[in-house]
């Protein structure tokens, strides 16, 4: 099977491993503006996800069109 160029192969995930990820806004738009409600919403979403999937968030960098979470996946749920 040939994968399209834009897809990458699945990587192994191990318990208690630290990862740096990234998520981009739709169509690379500059949607992440420094408004208090948006920042609170982003922190809320990450807090719920970390609690639900047993992930420890160490740092979060939010730029205007993408973000970088630095987290440890304690149960290999990634």
PDB file of N, CA and C in Angstrom:
ATOM      1  N   UNK A   1       0.843  -1.174   0.000  1.00  0.00           N
ATOM      2  CA  UNK A   1       0.000   0.000   0.000  1.00  0.00           C
ATOM      3  C   UNK A   1       0.887   1.234   0.000  1.00  0.00           C
ATOM      4  N   UNK A   2       0.537   2.193  -0.817  1.00  0.00           N
ATOM      5  CA  UNK A   2       1.292   3.440  -0.888  1.00  0.00           C
ATOM      6  C   UNK A   2       0.524   4.538  -0.166  1.00  0.00           C
ATOM      7  N   UNK A   3       1.210   5.220   0.754  1.00  0.00           N
ATOM      8  CA  UNK A   3       0.587   6.315   1.483  1.00  0.00           C
ATOM      9  C   UNK A   3       0.799   7.613   0.727  1.00  0.00           C
ATOM     10  N   UNK A   4      -0.190   8.505   0.768  1.00  0.00           N
ATOM     11  CA  UNK A   4       0.027   9.829   0.167  1.00  0.00           C
ATOM     12  C   UNK A   4       1.165  10.541   0.881  1.00  0.00           C
ATOM     13  N   UNK A   5       1.777  11.474   0.216  1.00  0.00           N
ATOM     14  CA  UNK A   5       2.936  12.179   0.761  1.00  0.00           C
ATOM     15  C   UNK A   5       2.585  12.916   2.056  1.00  0.00           C
ATOM     16  N   UNK A   6       1.357  13.409   2.200  1.00  0.00           N
ATOM     17  CA  UNK A   6       0.994  14.210   3.365  1.00  0.00           C
ATOM     18  C   UNK A   6       0.778  13.377   4.630  1.00  0.00           C
ATOM     19  N   UNK A   7       0.664  12.067   4.523  1.00  0.00           N
ATOM     20  CA  UNK A   7       0.435  11.238   5.710  1.00  0.00           C
ATOM     21  C   UNK A   7       1.752  10.635   6.198  1.00  0.00           C
ATOM     22  N   UNK A   8       1.862  10.499   7.498  1.00  0.00           N
ATOM     23  CA  UNK A   8       3.049   9.860   8.047  1.00  0.00           C
ATOM     24  C   UNK A   8       2.648   8.532   8.674  1.00  0.00           C
ATOM     25  N   UNK A   9       3.599   7.685   8.866  1.00  0.00           N
ATOM     26  CA  UNK A   9       3.333   6.391   9.483  1.00  0.00           C
ATOM     27  C   UNK A   9       3.103   6.558  10.979  1.00  0.00           C
ATOM     28  N   UNK A  10       2.322   5.655  11.540  1.00  0.00           N
ATOM     29  CA  UNK A  10       2.063   5.689  12.978  1.00  0.00           C
ATOM     30  C   UNK A  10       3.347   5.411  13.749  1.00  0.00           C
ATOM     31  N   UNK A  11       3.543   6.159  14.818  1.00  0.00           N
ATOM     32  CA  UNK A  11       4.727   6.002  15.645  1.00  0.00           C
ATOM     33  C   UNK A  11       4.344   5.242  16.914  1.00  0.00           C
ATOM     34  N   UNK A  12       5.258   4.457  17.470  1.00  0.00           N
ATOM     35  CA  UNK A  12       4.943   3.765  18.720  1.00  0.00           C
ATOM     36  C   UNK A  12       4.793   4.758  19.871  1.00  0.00           C
ATOM     37  N   UNK A  13       3.897   4.447  20.794  1.00  0.00           N
ATOM     38  CA  UNK A  13       3.660   5.292  21.964  1.00  0.00           C
ATOM     39  C   UNK A  13       3.933   4.452  23.201  1.00  0.00           C
ATOM     40  N   UNK A  14       4.754   4.983  24.101  1.00  0.00           N
ATOM     41  CA  UNK A  14       5.151   4.248  25.294  1.00  0.00           C
ATOM     42  C   UNK A  14       4.667   4.971  26.544  1.00  0.00           C
ATOM     43  N   UNK A  15       4.302   4.239  27.600  1.00  0.00           N
ATOM     44  CA  UNK A  15       3.881   4.882  28.851  1.00  0.00           C
ATOM     45  C   UNK A  15       5.009   5.723  29.454  1.00  0.00           C
ATOM     46  N   UNK A  16       4.635   6.792  30.130  1.00  0.00           N
ATOM     47  CA  UNK A  16       5.572   7.701  30.801  1.00  0.00           C
ATOM     48  C   UNK A  16       6.601   8.310  29.860  1.00  0.00           C
ATOM     49  N   UNK A  17       6.234   8.515  28.614  1.00  0.00           N
ATOM     50  CA  UNK A  17       7.109   9.185  27.655  1.00  0.00           C
ATOM     51  C   UNK A  17       6.634  10.614  27.458  1.00  0.00           C
ATOM     52  N   UNK A  18       7.584  11.509  27.257  1.00  0.00           N
ATOM     53  CA  UNK A  18       7.270  12.918  27.048  1.00  0.00           C
ATOM     54  C   UNK A  18       7.313  13.226  25.566  1.00  0.00           C
ATOM     55  N   UNK A  19       6.309  13.964  25.111  1.00  0.00           N
ATOM     56  CA  UNK A  19       6.171  14.284  23.692  1.00  0.00           C
ATOM     57  C   UNK A  19       5.947  15.769  23.503  1.00  0.00           C
ATOM     58  N   UNK A  20       6.362  16.272  22.357  1.00  0.00           N
ATOM     59  CA  UNK A  20       6.027  17.624  21.942  1.00  0.00           C
ATOM     60  C   UNK A  20       5.130  17.477  20.720  1.00  0.00           C
ATOM     61  N   UNK A  21       3.972  18.069  20.781  1.00  0.00           N
ATOM     62  CA  UNK A  21       3.051  17.967  19.660  1.00  0.00           C
ATOM     63  C   UNK A  21       2.785  19.329  19.053  1.00  0.00           C
ATOM     64  N   UNK A  22       1.933  19.350  18.055  1.00  0.00           N
ATOM     65  CA  UNK A  22       1.492  20.612  17.479  1.00  0.00           C
ATOM     66  C   UNK A  22       0.141  20.420  16.819  1.00  0.00           C
ATOM     67  N   UNK A  23      -0.640  21.469  16.835  1.00  0.00           N
ATOM     68  CA  UNK A  23      -1.938  21.507  16.172  1.00  0.00           C
ATOM     69  C   UNK A  23      -2.039  22.848  15.467  1.00  0.00           C
ATOM     70  N   UNK A  24      -2.484  22.796  14.219  1.00  0.00           N
ATOM     71  CA  UNK A  24      -2.591  24.002  13.412  1.00  0.00           C
ATOM     72  C   UNK A  24      -4.059  24.365  13.240  1.00  0.00           C
ATOM     73  N   UNK A  25      -4.347  25.655  13.131  1.00  0.00           N
ATOM     74  CA  UNK A  25      -5.710  26.117  12.878  1.00  0.00           C
ATOM     75  C   UNK A  25      -6.153  25.713  11.475  1.00  0.00           C
ATOM     76  N   UNK A  26      -7.456  25.682  11.258  1.00  0.00           N
ATOM     77  CA  UNK A  26      -8.015  25.342   9.952  1.00  0.00           C
ATOM     78  C   UNK A  26      -7.488  26.294   8.884  1.00  0.00           C
ATOM     79  N   UNK A  27      -7.026  25.732   7.807  1.00  0.00           N
ATOM     80  CA  UNK A  27      -6.523  26.488   6.652  1.00  0.00           C
ATOM     81  C   UNK A  27      -5.419  27.473   7.025  1.00  0.00           C
ATOM     82  N   UNK A  28      -4.693  27.174   8.080  1.00  0.00           N
ATOM     83  CA  UNK A  28      -3.566  27.999   8.548  1.00  0.00           C
ATOM     84  C   UNK A  28      -3.960  29.443   8.841  1.00  0.00           C
ATOM     85  N   UNK A  29      -5.205  29.649   9.237  1.00  0.00           N
ATOM     86  CA  UNK A  29      -5.674  30.997   9.536  1.00  0.00           C
ATOM     87  C   UNK A  29      -5.133  31.463  10.880  1.00  0.00           C
ATOM     88  N   UNK A  30      -5.015  32.765  11.043  1.00  0.00           N
ATOM     89  CA  UNK A  30      -4.546  33.354  12.294  1.00  0.00           C
ATOM     90  C   UNK A  30      -5.754  33.578  13.212  1.00  0.00           C
ATOM     91  N   UNK A  31      -6.202  32.517  13.883  1.00  0.00           N
ATOM     92  CA  UNK A  31      -7.419  32.564  14.686  1.00  0.00           C
ATOM     93  C   UNK A  31      -7.153  32.685  16.180  1.00  0.00           C
ATOM     94  N   UNK A  32      -5.950  32.422  16.624  1.00  0.00           N
ATOM     95  CA  UNK A  32      -5.647  32.417  18.053  1.00  0.00           C
ATOM     96  C   UNK A  32      -5.134  33.789  18.486  1.00  0.00           C
ATOM     97  N   UNK A  33      -6.061  34.678  18.778  1.00  0.00           N
ATOM     98  CA  UNK A  33      -5.719  36.031  19.188  1.00  0.00           C
ATOM     99  C   UNK A  33      -5.626  36.094  20.714  1.00  0.00           C
ATOM    100  N   UNK A  34      -4.852  37.023  21.247  1.00  0.00           N
ATOM    101  CA  UNK A  34      -4.646  37.070  22.705  1.00  0.00           C
ATOM    102  C   UNK A  34      -5.814  37.722  23.454  1.00  0.00           C
ATOM    103  N   UNK A  35      -6.970  37.069  23.441  1.00  0.00           N
ATOM    104  CA  UNK A  35      -8.124  37.525  24.205  1.00  0.00           C
ATOM    105  C   UNK A  35      -8.278  36.637  25.437  1.00  0.00           C
ATOM    106  N   UNK A  36      -8.701  37.223  26.532  1.00  0.00           N
ATOM    107  CA  UNK A  36      -8.799  36.487  27.794  1.00  0.00           C
ATOM    108  C   UNK A  36      -9.697  35.260  27.681  1.00  0.00           C
ATOM    109  N   UNK A  37     -10.860  35.384  27.068  1.00  0.00           N
ATOM    110  CA  UNK A  37     -11.795  34.247  26.963  1.00  0.00           C
ATOM    111  C   UNK A  37     -11.223  33.135  26.101  1.00  0.00           C
ATOM    112  N   UNK A  38     -10.516  33.476  25.043  1.00  0.00           N
ATOM    113  CA  UNK A  38      -9.906  32.451  24.182  1.00  0.00           C
ATOM    114  C   UNK A  38      -8.813  31.707  24.943  1.00  0.00           C
ATOM    115  N   UNK A  39      -7.980  32.429  25.659  1.00  0.00           N
ATOM    116  CA  UNK A  39      -6.908  31.806  26.429  1.00  0.00           C
ATOM    117  C   UNK A  39      -7.488  30.889  27.509  1.00  0.00           C
ATOM    118  N   UNK A  40      -8.517  31.350  28.208  1.00  0.00           N
ATOM    119  CA  UNK A  40      -9.171  30.517  29.219  1.00  0.00           C
ATOM    120  C   UNK A  40      -9.788  29.266  28.590  1.00  0.00           C
ATOM    121  N   UNK A  41     -10.366  29.418  27.401  1.00  0.00           N
ATOM    122  CA  UNK A  41     -10.956  28.275  26.705  1.00  0.00           C
ATOM    123  C   UNK A  41      -9.921  27.241  26.303  1.00  0.00           C
ATOM    124  N   UNK A  42      -8.774  27.711  25.831  1.00  0.00           N
ATOM    125  CA  UNK A  42      -7.700  26.786  25.449  1.00  0.00           C
ATOM    126  C   UNK A  42      -7.201  26.021  26.671  1.00  0.00           C
ATOM    127  N   UNK A  43      -6.985  26.730  27.789  1.00  0.00           N
ATOM    128  CA  UNK A  43      -6.544  26.059  29.015  1.00  0.00           C
ATOM    129  C   UNK A  43      -7.583  25.071  29.505  1.00  0.00           C
ATOM    130  N   UNK A  44      -8.861  25.419  29.397  1.00  0.00           N
ATOM    131  CA  UNK A  44      -9.932  24.509  29.828  1.00  0.00           C
ATOM    132  C   UNK A  44      -9.931  23.234  28.986  1.00  0.00           C
ATOM    133  N   UNK A  45      -9.826  23.378  27.682  1.00  0.00           N
ATOM    134  CA  UNK A  45      -9.822  22.215  26.788  1.00  0.00           C
ATOM    135  C   UNK A  45      -8.649  21.298  27.111  1.00  0.00           C
ATOM    136  N   UNK A  46      -7.466  21.864  27.289  1.00  0.00           N
ATOM    137  CA  UNK A  46      -6.302  21.034  27.618  1.00  0.00           C
ATOM    138  C   UNK A  46      -6.440  20.402  29.006  1.00  0.00           C
ATOM    139  N   UNK A  47      -7.012  21.127  29.968  1.00  0.00           N
ATOM    140  CA  UNK A  47      -7.186  20.569  31.316  1.00  0.00           C
ATOM    141  C   UNK A  47      -8.132  19.378  31.300  1.00  0.00           C
ATOM    142  N   UNK A  48      -9.229  19.489  30.584  1.00  0.00           N
ATOM    143  CA  UNK A  48     -10.185  18.382  30.491  1.00  0.00           C
ATOM    144  C   UNK A  48      -9.554  17.190  29.784  1.00  0.00           C
ATOM    145  N   UNK A  49      -8.870  17.446  28.681  1.00  0.00           N
ATOM    146  CA  UNK A  49      -8.238  16.352  27.935  1.00  0.00           C
ATOM    147  C   UNK A  49      -7.154  15.664  28.762  1.00  0.00           C
ATOM    148  N   UNK A  50      -6.351  16.439  29.489  1.00  0.00           N
ATOM    149  CA  UNK A  50      -5.296  15.845  30.315  1.00  0.00           C
ATOM    150  C   UNK A  50      -5.884  15.001  31.440  1.00  0.00           C
ATOM    151  N   UNK A  51      -6.947  15.475  32.045  1.00  0.00           N
ATOM    152  CA  UNK A  51      -7.582  14.710  33.117  1.00  0.00           C
ATOM    153  C   UNK A  51      -8.221  13.447  32.556  1.00  0.00           C
ATOM    154  N   UNK A  52      -8.887  13.560  31.426  1.00  0.00           N
ATOM    155  CA  UNK A  52      -9.596  12.423  30.847  1.00  0.00           C
ATOM    156  C   UNK A  52      -8.649  11.317  30.396  1.00  0.00           C
ATOM    157  N   UNK A  53      -7.488  11.685  29.853  1.00  0.00           N
ATOM    158  CA  UNK A  53      -6.580  10.699  29.275  1.00  0.00           C
ATOM    159  C   UNK A  53      -5.302  10.485  30.084  1.00  0.00           C
ATOM    160  N   UNK A  54      -5.246  10.961  31.317  1.00  0.00           N
ATOM    161  CA  UNK A  54      -4.095  10.796  32.210  1.00  0.00           C
ATOM    162  C   UNK A  54      -2.794  11.285  31.569  1.00  0.00           C
ATOM    163  N   UNK A  55      -2.822  12.501  31.105  1.00  0.00           N
ATOM    164  CA  UNK A  55      -1.657  13.138  30.494  1.00  0.00           C
ATOM    165  C   UNK A  55      -1.233  14.299  31.383  1.00  0.00           C
ATOM    166  N   UNK A  56       0.070  14.449  31.589  1.00  0.00           N
ATOM    167  CA  UNK A  56       0.616  15.555  32.383  1.00  0.00           C
ATOM    168  C   UNK A  56       1.139  16.613  31.424  1.00  0.00           C
ATOM    169  N   UNK A  57       0.526  17.781  31.426  1.00  0.00           N
ATOM    170  CA  UNK A  57       0.936  18.878  30.560  1.00  0.00           C
ATOM    171  C   UNK A  57       2.029  19.683  31.265  1.00  0.00           C
ATOM    172  N   UNK A  58       3.198  19.788  30.644  1.00  0.00           N
ATOM    173  CA  UNK A  58       4.328  20.512  31.235  1.00  0.00           C
ATOM    174  C   UNK A  58       4.370  21.952  30.774  1.00  0.00           C
ATOM    175  N   UNK A  59       4.092  22.172  29.504  1.00  0.00           N
ATOM    176  CA  UNK A  59       4.118  23.521  28.944  1.00  0.00           C
ATOM    177  C   UNK A  59       3.205  23.561  27.727  1.00  0.00           C
ATOM    178  N   UNK A  60       2.743  24.752  27.409  1.00  0.00           N
ATOM    179  CA  UNK A  60       1.892  24.948  26.242  1.00  0.00           C
ATOM    180  C   UNK A  60       2.256  26.273  25.612  1.00  0.00           C
ATOM    181  N   UNK A  61       2.656  26.241  24.370  1.00  0.00           N
ATOM    182  CA  UNK A  61       2.972  27.445  23.622  1.00  0.00           C
ATOM    183  C   UNK A  61       1.863  27.652  22.607  1.00  0.00           C
ATOM    184  N   UNK A  62       1.201  28.799  22.681  1.00  0.00           N
ATOM    185  CA  UNK A  62       0.120  29.099  21.744  1.00  0.00           C
ATOM    186  C   UNK A  62       0.538  30.291  20.899  1.00  0.00           C
ATOM    187  N   UNK A  63       0.607  30.069  19.595  1.00  0.00           N
ATOM    188  CA  UNK A  63       0.928  31.128  18.653  1.00  0.00           C
ATOM    189  C   UNK A  63      -0.340  31.495  17.885  1.00  0.00           C
ATOM    190  N   UNK A  64      -0.251  32.403  16.942  1.00  0.00           N
ATOM    191  CA  UNK A  64      -1.453  32.914  16.288  1.00  0.00           C
ATOM    192  C   UNK A  64      -2.168  31.897  15.401  1.00  0.00           C
ATOM    193  N   UNK A  65      -1.474  30.883  14.901  1.00  0.00           N
ATOM    194  CA  UNK A  65      -2.155  29.904  14.048  1.00  0.00           C
ATOM    195  C   UNK A  65      -1.836  28.452  14.398  1.00  0.00           C
ATOM    196  N   UNK A  66      -1.150  28.208  15.499  1.00  0.00           N
ATOM    197  CA  UNK A  66      -0.885  26.837  15.932  1.00  0.00           C
ATOM    198  C   UNK A  66      -0.438  26.836  17.393  1.00  0.00           C
ATOM    199  N   UNK A  67      -0.381  25.630  17.982  1.00  0.00           N
ATOM    200  CA  UNK A  67       0.085  25.515  19.363  1.00  0.00           C
ATOM    201  C   UNK A  67       0.961  24.287  19.512  1.00  0.00           C
ATOM    202  N   UNK A  68       1.796  24.319  20.560  1.00  0.00           N
ATOM    203  CA  UNK A  68       2.726  23.232  20.858  1.00  0.00           C
ATOM    204  C   UNK A  68       2.537  22.793  22.300  1.00  0.00           C
ATOM    205  N   UNK A  69       1.896  21.654  22.535  1.00  0.00           N
ATOM    206  CA  UNK A  69       1.839  21.122  23.897  1.00  0.00           C
ATOM    207  C   UNK A  69       3.050  20.230  24.169  1.00  0.00           C
ATOM    208  N   UNK A  70       3.601  20.338  25.368  1.00  0.00           N
ATOM    209  CA  UNK A  70       4.692  19.488  25.830  1.00  0.00           C
ATOM    210  C   UNK A  70       4.129  18.665  26.981  1.00  0.00           C
ATOM    211  N   UNK A  71       3.991  17.358  26.779  1.00  0.00           N
ATOM    212  CA  UNK A  71       3.261  16.552  27.754  1.00  0.00           C
ATOM    213  C   UNK A  71       3.854  15.164  27.919  1.00  0.00           C
ATOM    214  N   UNK A  72       3.589  14.577  29.102  1.00  0.00           N
ATOM    215  CA  UNK A  72       3.964  13.197  29.376  1.00  0.00           C
ATOM    216  C   UNK A  72       2.698  12.360  29.370  1.00  0.00           C
ATOM    217  N   UNK A  73       2.714  11.312  28.564  1.00  0.00           N
ATOM    218  CA  UNK A  73       1.583  10.416  28.444  1.00  0.00           C
ATOM    219  C   UNK A  73       1.797   9.245  29.397  1.00  0.00           C
ATOM    220  N   UNK A  74       1.149   9.289  30.554  1.00  0.00           N
ATOM    221  CA  UNK A  74       1.413   8.300  31.600  1.00  0.00           C
ATOM    222  C   UNK A  74       0.902   6.900  31.279  1.00  0.00           C
ATOM    223  N   UNK A  75      -0.158   6.790  30.497  1.00  0.00           N
ATOM    224  CA  UNK A  75      -0.742   5.470  30.210  1.00  0.00           C
ATOM    225  C   UNK A  75      -0.666   5.077  28.739  1.00  0.00           C
ATOM    226  N   UNK A  76       0.102   5.799  27.935  1.00  0.00           N
ATOM    227  CA  UNK A  76       0.232   5.544  26.492  1.00  0.00           C
ATOM    228  C   UNK A  76      -1.120   5.642  25.800  1.00  0.00           C
ATOM    229  N   UNK A  77      -1.868   6.691  26.091  1.00  0.00           N
ATOM    230  CA  UNK A  77      -3.173   6.929  25.465  1.00  0.00           C
ATOM    231  C   UNK A  77      -3.101   7.800  24.226  1.00  0.00           C
ATOM    232  N   UNK A  78      -1.951   8.288  23.873  1.00  0.00           N
ATOM    233  CA  UNK A  78      -1.836   9.255  22.803  1.00  0.00           C
ATOM    234  C   UNK A  78      -2.341   8.740  21.488  1.00  0.00           C
TER     235      UNK A  78
END
